[in-house]
Amino acid sequence: MSDSAKQPGQILKQNMWTANPIFMQILGICSALAVTNLLSNTMIMTLGVVFVTGMSNLTVAIIKNLIPRKVRMVVQTLIIAFYVIIVDIVLRAYLPEISRNLGPYVGLIITNCIIMGRAEAFAQSNPPLLSLWDGITSGMGYMGVLLSIALVRELLGFGALFGFQVLPEGFEPWIIMVMPPSAFFLIGVITWGGKYLMHRQGEPVLEGE
């Protein structure tokens, strides 16, 4: 089935599950290593990606007929950069502490393969509102996996969730969980678990567009 023939429900299911950008397509995992040791940082980072992916898709879909094919990827990158700058400015103005914690990783949203991939694979050949929905749901699929990883890492690494202590005082933190290798391990577990469930349910496993 072509992208243009897909319904919003099908797009949601694909981006959240059968073609999830993290555990099915293995895209955008650098941020999983960098920001998923704390839920608060992960939440803000992933909300930024949802915003940028949705708005970039919408913008590309609106102006696609005005973009010469030879420079379309350059234009897409500029569009993405514009929305990333907005996210960075808002964080600096209203959430300075989180902005400092995330450091350069907000700017690196520009290089996230998920955003460029959806702009090129979907927004370039679909109507604006459907492209907006595709971008939002792709970002939500990314968000769901990263928040799951952050929940495990913060809980076992600090005994806390969103900075609030939830495990008993005698709990011994797992130091490995605050280090980047733990994110690799958890992504591997999630990828294995997701594909195993799909095969058990007879779902088609979509590796990409």
N, C-alpha and C. Protein backbone atom coordinates (compact mmCIF):
# COMPACT_ATOMS: atom_id res chain seq x y z
N MET A 1 0.84 -1.20 0.00
CA MET A 1 0.00 0.00 0.00
C MET A 1 0.88 1.24 0.00
N SER A 2 0.61 2.19 -0.88
CA SER A 2 1.42 3.40 -0.96
C SER A 2 1.12 4.30 0.22
N ASP A 3 2.08 5.23 0.52
CA ASP A 3 1.91 6.14 1.63
C ASP A 3 0.65 6.98 1.47
N SER A 4 0.38 7.42 0.25
CA SER A 4 -0.76 8.30 0.02
C SER A 4 -2.09 7.60 0.25
N ALA A 5 -2.09 6.26 0.23
CA ALA A 5 -3.32 5.50 0.43
C ALA A 5 -3.54 5.15 1.90
N LYS A 6 -2.58 5.43 2.74
CA LYS A 6 -2.71 5.07 4.14
C LYS A 6 -3.67 5.99 4.88
N GLN A 7 -4.35 5.43 5.86
CA GLN A 7 -5.24 6.19 6.71
C GLN A 7 -4.50 6.58 7.99
N PRO A 8 -5.00 7.63 8.70
CA PRO A 8 -4.32 8.05 9.93
C PRO A 8 -4.09 6.93 10.94
N GLY A 9 -5.07 6.02 11.08
CA GLY A 9 -4.91 4.91 12.02
C GLY A 9 -3.78 3.98 11.61
N GLN A 10 -3.64 3.74 10.32
CA GLN A 10 -2.57 2.88 9.83
C GLN A 10 -1.20 3.54 10.05
N ILE A 11 -1.16 4.84 9.82
CA ILE A 11 0.10 5.57 10.04
C ILE A 11 0.49 5.53 11.51
N LEU A 12 -0.50 5.72 12.39
CA LEU A 12 -0.23 5.67 13.84
C LEU A 12 0.33 4.31 14.23
N LYS A 13 -0.32 3.24 13.79
CA LYS A 13 0.13 1.88 14.14
C LYS A 13 1.53 1.62 13.60
N GLN A 14 1.79 2.05 12.38
CA GLN A 14 3.10 1.80 11.78
C GLN A 14 4.19 2.56 12.53
N ASN A 15 3.98 3.84 12.80
CA ASN A 15 5.03 4.65 13.42
C ASN A 15 5.23 4.34 14.89
N MET A 16 4.17 3.89 15.55
CA MET A 16 4.29 3.55 16.97
C MET A 16 4.74 2.11 17.19
N TRP A 17 4.49 1.23 16.19
CA TRP A 17 4.72 -0.19 16.44
C TRP A 17 5.44 -0.89 15.30
N THR A 18 4.77 -1.16 14.18
CA THR A 18 5.35 -2.07 13.18
C THR A 18 6.55 -1.49 12.44
N ALA A 19 6.71 -0.16 12.41
CA ALA A 19 7.91 0.44 11.80
C ALA A 19 8.46 1.51 12.73
N ASN A 20 8.42 1.21 14.03
CA ASN A 20 8.92 2.18 15.02
C ASN A 20 10.34 2.63 14.67
N PRO A 21 10.60 3.94 14.67
CA PRO A 21 11.91 4.42 14.22
C PRO A 21 13.09 3.93 15.05
N ILE A 22 12.86 3.63 16.33
CA ILE A 22 13.97 3.17 17.17
C ILE A 22 14.16 1.68 17.08
N PHE A 23 13.16 0.88 17.49
CA PHE A 23 13.44 -0.55 17.60
C PHE A 23 13.14 -1.35 16.33
N MET A 24 12.59 -0.72 15.30
CA MET A 24 12.43 -1.42 14.03
C MET A 24 13.42 -0.91 12.98
N GLN A 25 13.59 0.41 12.91
CA GLN A 25 14.47 0.98 11.89
C GLN A 25 15.84 1.36 12.44
N ILE A 26 16.01 1.31 13.76
CA ILE A 26 17.29 1.62 14.44
C ILE A 26 17.79 3.00 14.01
N LEU A 27 16.92 3.99 14.10
CA LEU A 27 17.27 5.37 13.76
C LEU A 27 17.25 6.22 15.03
N GLY A 28 18.07 7.26 15.05
CA GLY A 28 18.03 8.23 16.13
C GLY A 28 18.44 7.69 17.49
N ILE A 29 19.34 6.68 17.53
CA ILE A 29 19.67 6.08 18.82
C ILE A 29 20.75 6.85 19.58
N CYS A 30 21.42 7.82 18.94
CA CYS A 30 22.44 8.58 19.66
C CYS A 30 21.86 9.28 20.87
N SER A 31 20.67 9.85 20.71
CA SER A 31 20.03 10.55 21.83
C SER A 31 19.64 9.58 22.93
N ALA A 32 19.39 8.32 22.57
CA ALA A 32 19.05 7.31 23.59
C ALA A 32 20.22 7.10 24.54
N LEU A 33 21.42 7.24 24.01
CA LEU A 33 22.61 7.09 24.85
C LEU A 33 22.88 8.35 25.66
N ALA A 34 22.54 9.50 25.11
CA ALA A 34 22.96 10.77 25.69
C ALA A 34 22.03 11.32 26.76
N VAL A 35 20.72 11.18 26.59
CA VAL A 35 19.80 11.91 27.46
C VAL A 35 18.85 11.03 28.27
N THR A 36 18.94 9.70 28.14
CA THR A 36 17.93 8.86 28.77
C THR A 36 18.28 8.41 30.18
N ASN A 37 19.26 9.04 30.82
CA ASN A 37 19.52 8.67 32.22
C ASN A 37 18.58 9.39 33.18
N LEU A 38 17.86 10.44 32.68
CA LEU A 38 16.88 11.15 33.49
C LEU A 38 15.59 11.34 32.69
N LEU A 39 14.45 11.04 33.32
CA LEU A 39 13.17 11.15 32.63
C LEU A 39 12.85 12.58 32.22
N SER A 40 13.19 13.57 33.07
CA SER A 40 12.85 14.96 32.76
C SER A 40 13.57 15.42 31.50
N ASN A 41 14.86 15.12 31.39
CA ASN A 41 15.61 15.48 30.19
C ASN A 41 15.06 14.77 28.95
N THR A 42 14.75 13.49 29.12
CA THR A 42 14.22 12.70 28.00
C THR A 42 12.88 13.24 27.53
N MET A 43 12.01 13.58 28.46
CA MET A 43 10.70 14.12 28.11
C MET A 43 10.82 15.39 27.27
N ILE A 44 11.66 16.31 27.72
CA ILE A 44 11.81 17.58 26.99
C ILE A 44 12.45 17.35 25.62
N MET A 45 13.47 16.51 25.58
CA MET A 45 14.15 16.22 24.32
C MET A 45 13.19 15.59 23.30
N THR A 46 12.41 14.63 23.75
CA THR A 46 11.52 13.94 22.82
C THR A 46 10.35 14.81 22.40
N LEU A 47 9.86 15.66 23.29
CA LEU A 47 8.82 16.61 22.89
C LEU A 47 9.35 17.55 21.81
N GLY A 48 10.62 17.95 21.95
CA GLY A 48 11.24 18.78 20.92
C GLY A 48 11.30 18.06 19.58
N VAL A 49 11.62 16.77 19.61
CA VAL A 49 11.68 15.99 18.37
C VAL A 49 10.29 15.84 17.75
N VAL A 50 9.27 15.60 18.58
CA VAL A 50 7.89 15.50 18.07
C VAL A 50 7.50 16.80 17.36
N PHE A 51 7.79 17.94 18.01
CA PHE A 51 7.47 19.24 17.42
C PHE A 51 8.20 19.45 16.10
N VAL A 52 9.51 19.20 16.10
CA VAL A 52 10.32 19.43 14.90
C VAL A 52 9.90 18.49 13.77
N THR A 53 9.67 17.23 14.08
CA THR A 53 9.29 16.27 13.04
C THR A 53 7.94 16.62 12.43
N GLY A 54 6.98 16.95 13.29
CA GLY A 54 5.65 17.31 12.79
C GLY A 54 5.66 18.57 11.95
N MET A 55 6.30 19.63 12.45
CA MET A 55 6.31 20.91 11.74
C MET A 55 7.16 20.85 10.48
N SER A 56 8.25 20.11 10.52
CA SER A 56 9.09 19.97 9.32
C SER A 56 8.33 19.24 8.22
N ASN A 57 7.65 18.15 8.60
CA ASN A 57 6.83 17.43 7.62
C ASN A 57 5.76 18.33 7.02
N LEU A 58 5.09 19.08 7.88
CA LEU A 58 4.02 19.97 7.41
C LEU A 58 4.57 21.01 6.43
N THR A 59 5.68 21.61 6.79
CA THR A 59 6.27 22.66 5.94
C THR A 59 6.74 22.11 4.61
N VAL A 60 7.42 20.97 4.65
CA VAL A 60 7.90 20.35 3.40
C VAL A 60 6.72 20.00 2.50
N ALA A 61 5.66 19.44 3.10
CA ALA A 61 4.49 19.05 2.30
C ALA A 61 3.83 20.27 1.65
N ILE A 62 3.83 21.40 2.33
CA ILE A 62 3.19 22.61 1.80
C ILE A 62 3.97 23.20 0.63
N ILE A 63 5.30 23.21 0.75
CA ILE A 63 6.11 23.90 -0.27
C ILE A 63 6.84 22.95 -1.21
N LYS A 64 6.53 21.65 -1.17
CA LYS A 64 7.30 20.66 -1.94
C LYS A 64 7.32 20.97 -3.43
N ASN A 65 6.22 21.50 -3.97
CA ASN A 65 6.17 21.79 -5.41
C ASN A 65 7.00 23.01 -5.80
N LEU A 66 7.46 23.75 -4.81
CA LEU A 66 8.28 24.94 -5.07
C LEU A 66 9.77 24.64 -4.93
N ILE A 67 10.09 23.45 -4.43
CA ILE A 67 11.50 23.10 -4.17
C ILE A 67 12.08 22.35 -5.36
N PRO A 68 13.13 22.86 -5.99
CA PRO A 68 13.81 22.11 -7.06
C PRO A 68 14.35 20.79 -6.52
N ARG A 69 14.19 19.72 -7.26
CA ARG A 69 14.60 18.40 -6.77
C ARG A 69 16.08 18.34 -6.42
N LYS A 70 16.92 19.06 -7.14
CA LYS A 70 18.36 18.98 -6.91
C LYS A 70 18.77 19.54 -5.55
N VAL A 71 17.96 20.43 -4.99
CA VAL A 71 18.34 21.05 -3.71
C VAL A 71 17.32 20.72 -2.61
N ARG A 72 16.47 19.72 -2.83
CA ARG A 72 15.40 19.49 -1.87
C ARG A 72 15.93 19.10 -0.50
N MET A 73 17.02 18.31 -0.45
CA MET A 73 17.54 17.88 0.86
C MET A 73 18.19 19.04 1.60
N VAL A 74 18.79 19.96 0.87
CA VAL A 74 19.36 21.16 1.49
C VAL A 74 18.24 22.00 2.10
N VAL A 75 17.16 22.17 1.33
CA VAL A 75 16.01 22.94 1.82
C VAL A 75 15.38 22.25 3.02
N GLN A 76 15.25 20.95 2.97
CA GLN A 76 14.69 20.21 4.11
C GLN A 76 15.54 20.41 5.36
N THR A 77 16.85 20.38 5.20
CA THR A 77 17.74 20.60 6.34
C THR A 77 17.57 21.99 6.92
N LEU A 78 17.42 22.99 6.06
CA LEU A 78 17.20 24.36 6.53
C LEU A 78 15.87 24.48 7.29
N ILE A 79 14.85 23.82 6.78
CA ILE A 79 13.54 23.84 7.46
C ILE A 79 13.66 23.19 8.85
N ILE A 80 14.32 22.04 8.90
CA ILE A 80 14.51 21.36 10.18
C ILE A 80 15.29 22.24 11.15
N ALA A 81 16.36 22.86 10.64
CA ALA A 81 17.19 23.72 11.49
C ALA A 81 16.39 24.89 12.05
N PHE A 82 15.49 25.44 11.25
CA PHE A 82 14.64 26.56 11.70
C PHE A 82 13.82 26.15 12.93
N TYR A 83 13.20 24.98 12.87
CA TYR A 83 12.36 24.55 14.00
C TYR A 83 13.20 24.12 15.20
N VAL A 84 14.38 23.57 14.96
CA VAL A 84 15.27 23.23 16.07
C VAL A 84 15.73 24.49 16.80
N ILE A 85 16.01 25.55 16.07
CA ILE A 85 16.40 26.82 16.69
C ILE A 85 15.27 27.35 17.57
N ILE A 86 14.03 27.21 17.11
CA ILE A 86 12.89 27.63 17.92
C ILE A 86 12.86 26.85 19.24
N VAL A 87 13.03 25.53 19.16
CA VAL A 87 13.05 24.70 20.36
C VAL A 87 14.16 25.14 21.30
N ASP A 88 15.35 25.39 20.76
CA ASP A 88 16.50 25.79 21.57
C ASP A 88 16.24 27.13 22.26
N ILE A 89 15.68 28.08 21.54
CA ILE A 89 15.39 29.40 22.12
C ILE A 89 14.37 29.29 23.25
N VAL A 90 13.31 28.50 23.02
CA VAL A 90 12.27 28.34 24.05
C VAL A 90 12.86 27.68 25.31
N LEU A 91 13.70 26.66 25.13
CA LEU A 91 14.31 26.00 26.29
C LEU A 91 15.22 26.95 27.06
N ARG A 92 16.01 27.71 26.33
CA ARG A 92 16.91 28.67 27.00
C ARG A 92 16.13 29.72 27.78
N ALA A 93 14.98 30.12 27.24
CA ALA A 93 14.19 31.18 27.87
C ALA A 93 13.38 30.68 29.06
N TYR A 94 12.77 29.48 28.95
CA TYR A 94 11.82 29.04 29.96
C TYR A 94 12.29 27.85 30.80
N LEU A 95 13.24 27.08 30.29
CA LEU A 95 13.76 25.92 31.04
C LEU A 95 15.29 25.92 30.99
N PRO A 96 15.90 26.96 31.55
CA PRO A 96 17.37 27.10 31.41
C PRO A 96 18.16 25.95 32.01
N GLU A 97 17.68 25.38 33.12
CA GLU A 97 18.41 24.28 33.76
C GLU A 97 18.43 23.05 32.86
N ILE A 98 17.27 22.70 32.31
CA ILE A 98 17.21 21.56 31.40
C ILE A 98 17.99 21.85 30.13
N SER A 99 17.93 23.10 29.66
CA SER A 99 18.72 23.47 28.48
C SER A 99 20.20 23.24 28.72
N ARG A 100 20.68 23.59 29.92
CA ARG A 100 22.10 23.35 30.24
C ARG A 100 22.39 21.87 30.34
N ASN A 101 21.46 21.11 30.91
CA ASN A 101 21.68 19.66 31.04
C ASN A 101 21.75 18.97 29.68
N LEU A 102 20.90 19.41 28.76
CA LEU A 102 20.89 18.80 27.42
C LEU A 102 22.08 19.25 26.59
N GLY A 103 22.60 20.45 26.89
CA GLY A 103 23.79 20.94 26.20
C GLY A 103 23.63 20.97 24.69
N PRO A 104 24.60 20.39 23.98
CA PRO A 104 24.56 20.45 22.51
C PRO A 104 23.57 19.50 21.87
N TYR A 105 22.93 18.62 22.66
CA TYR A 105 22.09 17.59 22.07
C TYR A 105 20.81 18.16 21.45
N VAL A 106 20.36 19.33 21.93
CA VAL A 106 19.20 19.96 21.30
C VAL A 106 19.54 20.35 19.86
N GLY A 107 20.70 20.96 19.68
CA GLY A 107 21.14 21.35 18.33
C GLY A 107 21.31 20.15 17.42
N LEU A 108 21.69 19.03 18.01
CA LEU A 108 21.90 17.82 17.20
C LEU A 108 20.61 17.17 16.73
N ILE A 109 19.45 17.70 17.16
CA ILE A 109 18.18 17.22 16.62
C ILE A 109 18.19 17.38 15.10
N ILE A 110 18.90 18.41 14.61
CA ILE A 110 18.98 18.66 13.17
C ILE A 110 19.48 17.43 12.43
N THR A 111 20.38 16.69 13.04
CA THR A 111 20.99 15.54 12.36
C THR A 111 20.23 14.24 12.62
N ASN A 112 19.10 14.31 13.34
CA ASN A 112 18.35 13.10 13.63
C ASN A 112 17.80 12.50 12.33
N CYS A 113 18.17 11.26 12.06
CA CYS A 113 17.79 10.61 10.81
C CYS A 113 16.27 10.45 10.67
N ILE A 114 15.57 10.35 11.80
CA ILE A 114 14.12 10.18 11.75
C ILE A 114 13.47 11.37 11.06
N ILE A 115 13.91 12.57 11.41
CA ILE A 115 13.27 13.79 10.89
C ILE A 115 13.50 13.93 9.39
N MET A 116 14.75 13.80 8.98
CA MET A 116 15.04 13.89 7.55
C MET A 116 14.38 12.74 6.79
N GLY A 117 14.36 11.56 7.40
CA GLY A 117 13.77 10.40 6.74
C GLY A 117 12.29 10.58 6.48
N ARG A 118 11.54 11.12 7.46
CA ARG A 118 10.11 11.33 7.26
C ARG A 118 9.84 12.44 6.26
N ALA A 119 10.65 13.48 6.28
CA ALA A 119 10.47 14.57 5.31
C ALA A 119 10.67 14.06 3.89
N GLU A 120 11.69 13.23 3.70
CA GLU A 120 12.02 12.74 2.36
C GLU A 120 11.08 11.62 1.93
N ALA A 121 10.78 10.69 2.86
CA ALA A 121 10.00 9.50 2.47
C ALA A 121 8.50 9.74 2.46
N PHE A 122 8.03 10.67 3.28
CA PHE A 122 6.58 10.84 3.39
C PHE A 122 6.11 12.23 2.96
N ALA A 123 6.64 13.28 3.60
CA ALA A 123 6.13 14.63 3.34
C ALA A 123 6.33 15.06 1.89
N GLN A 124 7.37 14.54 1.25
CA GLN A 124 7.69 14.93 -0.12
C GLN A 124 6.64 14.44 -1.12
N SER A 125 5.81 13.48 -0.69
CA SER A 125 4.84 12.92 -1.64
C SER A 125 3.43 12.77 -1.07
N ASN A 126 3.13 13.49 0.02
CA ASN A 126 1.82 13.38 0.64
C ASN A 126 1.28 14.76 1.01
N PRO A 127 -0.04 14.86 1.24
CA PRO A 127 -0.65 16.15 1.57
C PRO A 127 -0.22 16.64 2.95
N PRO A 128 -0.36 17.96 3.21
CA PRO A 128 0.16 18.56 4.44
C PRO A 128 -0.36 17.95 5.74
N LEU A 129 -1.69 17.81 5.90
CA LEU A 129 -2.21 17.33 7.18
C LEU A 129 -1.80 15.89 7.47
N LEU A 130 -1.80 15.05 6.43
CA LEU A 130 -1.35 13.68 6.63
C LEU A 130 0.15 13.64 6.96
N SER A 131 0.90 14.54 6.36
CA SER A 131 2.33 14.62 6.65
C SER A 131 2.58 15.10 8.07
N LEU A 132 1.78 16.06 8.53
CA LEU A 132 1.88 16.52 9.92
C LEU A 132 1.62 15.35 10.87
N TRP A 133 0.57 14.58 10.60
CA TRP A 133 0.24 13.43 11.44
C TRP A 133 1.35 12.39 11.42
N ASP A 134 1.92 12.15 10.25
CA ASP A 134 3.03 11.20 10.15
C ASP A 134 4.22 11.67 10.99
N GLY A 135 4.52 12.96 10.92
CA GLY A 135 5.64 13.49 11.70
C GLY A 135 5.40 13.39 13.19
N ILE A 136 4.19 13.74 13.62
CA ILE A 136 3.87 13.67 15.05
C ILE A 136 3.94 12.23 15.55
N THR A 137 3.36 11.30 14.81
CA THR A 137 3.34 9.90 15.26
C THR A 137 4.73 9.26 15.21
N SER A 138 5.55 9.67 14.24
CA SER A 138 6.93 9.18 14.22
C SER A 138 7.67 9.66 15.46
N GLY A 139 7.45 10.94 15.81
CA GLY A 139 8.06 11.47 17.02
C GLY A 139 7.54 10.78 18.27
N MET A 140 6.26 10.44 18.27
CA MET A 140 5.68 9.74 19.42
C MET A 140 6.26 8.33 19.56
N GLY A 141 6.50 7.66 18.43
CA GLY A 141 7.14 6.34 18.48
C GLY A 141 8.53 6.43 19.06
N TYR A 142 9.26 7.46 18.68
CA TYR A 142 10.59 7.73 19.22
C TYR A 142 10.49 8.05 20.71
N MET A 143 9.52 8.88 21.06
CA MET A 143 9.34 9.28 22.46
C MET A 143 9.03 8.08 23.35
N GLY A 144 8.13 7.20 22.90
CA GLY A 144 7.73 6.07 23.72
C GLY A 144 8.89 5.18 24.09
N VAL A 145 9.76 4.89 23.13
CA VAL A 145 10.90 4.02 23.40
C VAL A 145 11.90 4.71 24.33
N LEU A 146 12.21 5.98 24.06
CA LEU A 146 13.19 6.68 24.89
C LEU A 146 12.70 6.87 26.32
N LEU A 147 11.40 7.15 26.50
CA LEU A 147 10.87 7.29 27.86
C LEU A 147 10.92 5.95 28.60
N SER A 148 10.69 4.86 27.88
CA SER A 148 10.78 3.54 28.51
C SER A 148 12.20 3.26 28.99
N ILE A 149 13.16 3.61 28.15
CA ILE A 149 14.57 3.42 28.52
C ILE A 149 14.93 4.32 29.70
N ALA A 150 14.50 5.58 29.66
CA ALA A 150 14.81 6.53 30.73
C ALA A 150 14.19 6.09 32.06
N LEU A 151 12.98 5.53 31.99
CA LEU A 151 12.32 5.08 33.23
C LEU A 151 13.17 4.01 33.92
N VAL A 152 13.63 3.03 33.15
CA VAL A 152 14.44 1.95 33.74
C VAL A 152 15.78 2.50 34.23
N ARG A 153 16.42 3.35 33.45
CA ARG A 153 17.74 3.86 33.83
C ARG A 153 17.68 4.74 35.07
N GLU A 154 16.70 5.65 35.13
CA GLU A 154 16.63 6.53 36.30
C GLU A 154 16.21 5.75 37.55
N LEU A 155 15.27 4.82 37.37
CA LEU A 155 14.80 4.06 38.52
C LEU A 155 15.91 3.21 39.12
N LEU A 156 16.64 2.48 38.27
CA LEU A 156 17.69 1.60 38.78
C LEU A 156 19.01 2.34 39.02
N GLY A 157 19.23 3.43 38.30
CA GLY A 157 20.49 4.17 38.46
C GLY A 157 20.47 5.16 39.61
N PHE A 158 19.28 5.71 39.92
CA PHE A 158 19.17 6.71 40.99
C PHE A 158 18.12 6.35 42.04
N GLY A 159 17.29 5.35 41.75
CA GLY A 159 16.21 5.02 42.67
C GLY A 159 15.12 6.06 42.66
N ALA A 160 15.03 6.84 41.56
CA ALA A 160 14.10 7.96 41.50
C ALA A 160 13.37 7.97 40.16
N LEU A 161 12.28 8.75 40.09
CA LEU A 161 11.55 9.01 38.86
C LEU A 161 11.25 10.50 38.81
N PHE A 162 11.62 11.16 37.74
CA PHE A 162 11.47 12.61 37.61
C PHE A 162 12.10 13.34 38.80
N GLY A 163 13.19 12.78 39.32
CA GLY A 163 13.91 13.42 40.40
C GLY A 163 13.39 13.13 41.79
N PHE A 164 12.27 12.42 41.90
CA PHE A 164 11.69 12.10 43.21
C PHE A 164 12.07 10.67 43.61
N GLN A 165 12.63 10.53 44.82
CA GLN A 165 13.06 9.23 45.28
C GLN A 165 11.85 8.32 45.47
N VAL A 166 11.86 7.15 44.83
CA VAL A 166 10.73 6.23 44.93
C VAL A 166 11.13 4.87 45.51
N LEU A 167 12.42 4.55 45.48
CA LEU A 167 12.87 3.29 46.06
C LEU A 167 13.38 3.53 47.49
N PRO A 168 13.37 2.52 48.32
CA PRO A 168 13.79 2.68 49.72
C PRO A 168 15.22 3.20 49.85
N GLU A 169 15.52 3.82 51.00
CA GLU A 169 16.85 4.40 51.22
C GLU A 169 17.96 3.36 51.14
N GLY A 170 17.65 2.12 51.48
CA GLY A 170 18.67 1.08 51.44
C GLY A 170 18.99 0.57 50.05
N PHE A 171 18.27 1.05 49.04
CA PHE A 171 18.51 0.58 47.67
C PHE A 171 19.90 1.00 47.19
N GLU A 172 20.63 0.05 46.63
CA GLU A 172 21.97 0.32 46.10
C GLU A 172 21.85 0.62 44.61
N PRO A 173 22.12 1.85 44.18
CA PRO A 173 21.97 2.19 42.75
C PRO A 173 22.85 1.34 41.85
N TRP A 174 22.33 1.02 40.68
CA TRP A 174 23.12 0.30 39.68
C TRP A 174 23.90 1.33 38.87
N ILE A 175 25.17 1.45 39.15
CA ILE A 175 25.97 2.48 38.49
C ILE A 175 25.97 2.33 36.97
N ILE A 176 25.90 1.08 36.50
CA ILE A 176 25.91 0.85 35.06
C ILE A 176 24.74 1.55 34.37
N MET A 177 23.64 1.74 35.10
CA MET A 177 22.45 2.31 34.49
C MET A 177 22.57 3.81 34.18
N VAL A 178 23.52 4.48 34.79
CA VAL A 178 23.70 5.90 34.48
C VAL A 178 24.77 6.09 33.41
N MET A 179 25.31 4.99 32.90
CA MET A 179 26.35 5.05 31.87
C MET A 179 25.74 4.69 30.51
N PRO A 180 26.29 5.27 29.42
CA PRO A 180 25.73 5.03 28.08
C PRO A 180 25.57 3.57 27.67
N PRO A 181 26.46 2.64 28.05
CA PRO A 181 26.28 1.25 27.62
C PRO A 181 24.93 0.65 28.02
N SER A 182 24.36 1.11 29.13
CA SER A 182 23.07 0.55 29.55
C SER A 182 21.97 0.86 28.55
N ALA A 183 22.05 2.03 27.89
CA ALA A 183 21.05 2.38 26.88
C ALA A 183 21.15 1.43 25.69
N PHE A 184 22.37 1.08 25.26
CA PHE A 184 22.55 0.11 24.19
C PHE A 184 21.90 -1.23 24.56
N PHE A 185 22.15 -1.67 25.79
CA PHE A 185 21.59 -2.94 26.25
C PHE A 185 20.07 -2.90 26.24
N LEU A 186 19.48 -1.82 26.74
CA LEU A 186 18.02 -1.72 26.81
C LEU A 186 17.40 -1.61 25.42
N ILE A 187 18.05 -0.89 24.50
CA ILE A 187 17.56 -0.83 23.12
C ILE A 187 17.55 -2.23 22.51
N GLY A 188 18.60 -3.00 22.79
CA GLY A 188 18.67 -4.37 22.28
C GLY A 188 17.53 -5.22 22.82
N VAL A 189 17.24 -5.09 24.11
CA VAL A 189 16.15 -5.86 24.73
C VAL A 189 14.80 -5.45 24.13
N ILE A 190 14.58 -4.14 23.97
CA ILE A 190 13.32 -3.65 23.41
C ILE A 190 13.16 -4.11 21.96
N THR A 191 14.24 -4.04 21.18
CA THR A 191 14.20 -4.47 19.78
C THR A 191 13.86 -5.96 19.69
N TRP A 192 14.54 -6.76 20.49
CA TRP A 192 14.26 -8.19 20.50
C TRP A 192 12.82 -8.46 20.91
N GLY A 193 12.38 -7.81 22.00
CA GLY A 193 11.03 -8.03 22.50
C GLY A 193 9.97 -7.62 21.50
N GLY A 194 10.15 -6.46 20.85
CA GLY A 194 9.18 -5.98 19.87
C GLY A 194 9.06 -6.91 18.68
N LYS A 195 10.18 -7.34 18.14
CA LYS A 195 10.14 -8.21 16.96
C LYS A 195 9.62 -9.60 17.32
N TYR A 196 9.93 -10.05 18.52
CA TYR A 196 9.42 -11.35 18.96
C TYR A 196 7.89 -11.32 19.04
N LEU A 197 7.35 -10.25 19.64
CA LEU A 197 5.90 -10.13 19.76
C LEU A 197 5.23 -10.04 18.39
N MET A 198 5.86 -9.31 17.46
CA MET A 198 5.28 -9.19 16.12
C MET A 198 5.22 -10.54 15.42
N HIS A 199 6.29 -11.30 15.53
CA HIS A 199 6.30 -12.61 14.90
C HIS A 199 5.27 -13.53 15.54
N ARG A 200 5.10 -13.43 16.85
CA ARG A 200 4.10 -14.24 17.54
C ARG A 200 2.68 -13.88 17.11
N GLN A 201 2.46 -12.59 16.86
CA GLN A 201 1.13 -12.11 16.47
C GLN A 201 0.90 -12.18 14.96
N GLY A 202 1.94 -12.56 14.22
CA GLY A 202 1.80 -12.64 12.76
C GLY A 202 1.81 -11.28 12.09
N GLU A 203 2.32 -10.25 12.79
CA GLU A 203 2.37 -8.91 12.22
C GLU A 203 3.51 -8.84 11.21
N PRO A 204 3.31 -8.12 10.09
CA PRO A 204 4.43 -7.89 9.18
C PRO A 204 5.43 -6.95 9.81
N VAL A 205 6.69 -7.30 9.76
CA VAL A 205 7.74 -6.47 10.33
C VAL A 205 8.27 -5.54 9.24
N LEU A 206 8.02 -4.24 9.39
CA LEU A 206 8.44 -3.26 8.39
C LEU A 206 9.76 -2.65 8.82
N GLU A 207 10.80 -2.90 8.06
CA GLU A 207 12.11 -2.40 8.42
C GLU A 207 12.34 -0.96 7.98
N GLY A 208 11.50 -0.44 7.14
CA GLY A 208 11.66 0.93 6.66
C GLY A 208 10.67 1.22 5.58
N GLU A 209 10.79 2.42 4.98
CA GLU A 209 9.83 2.80 3.93
C GLU A 209 10.22 2.19 2.59
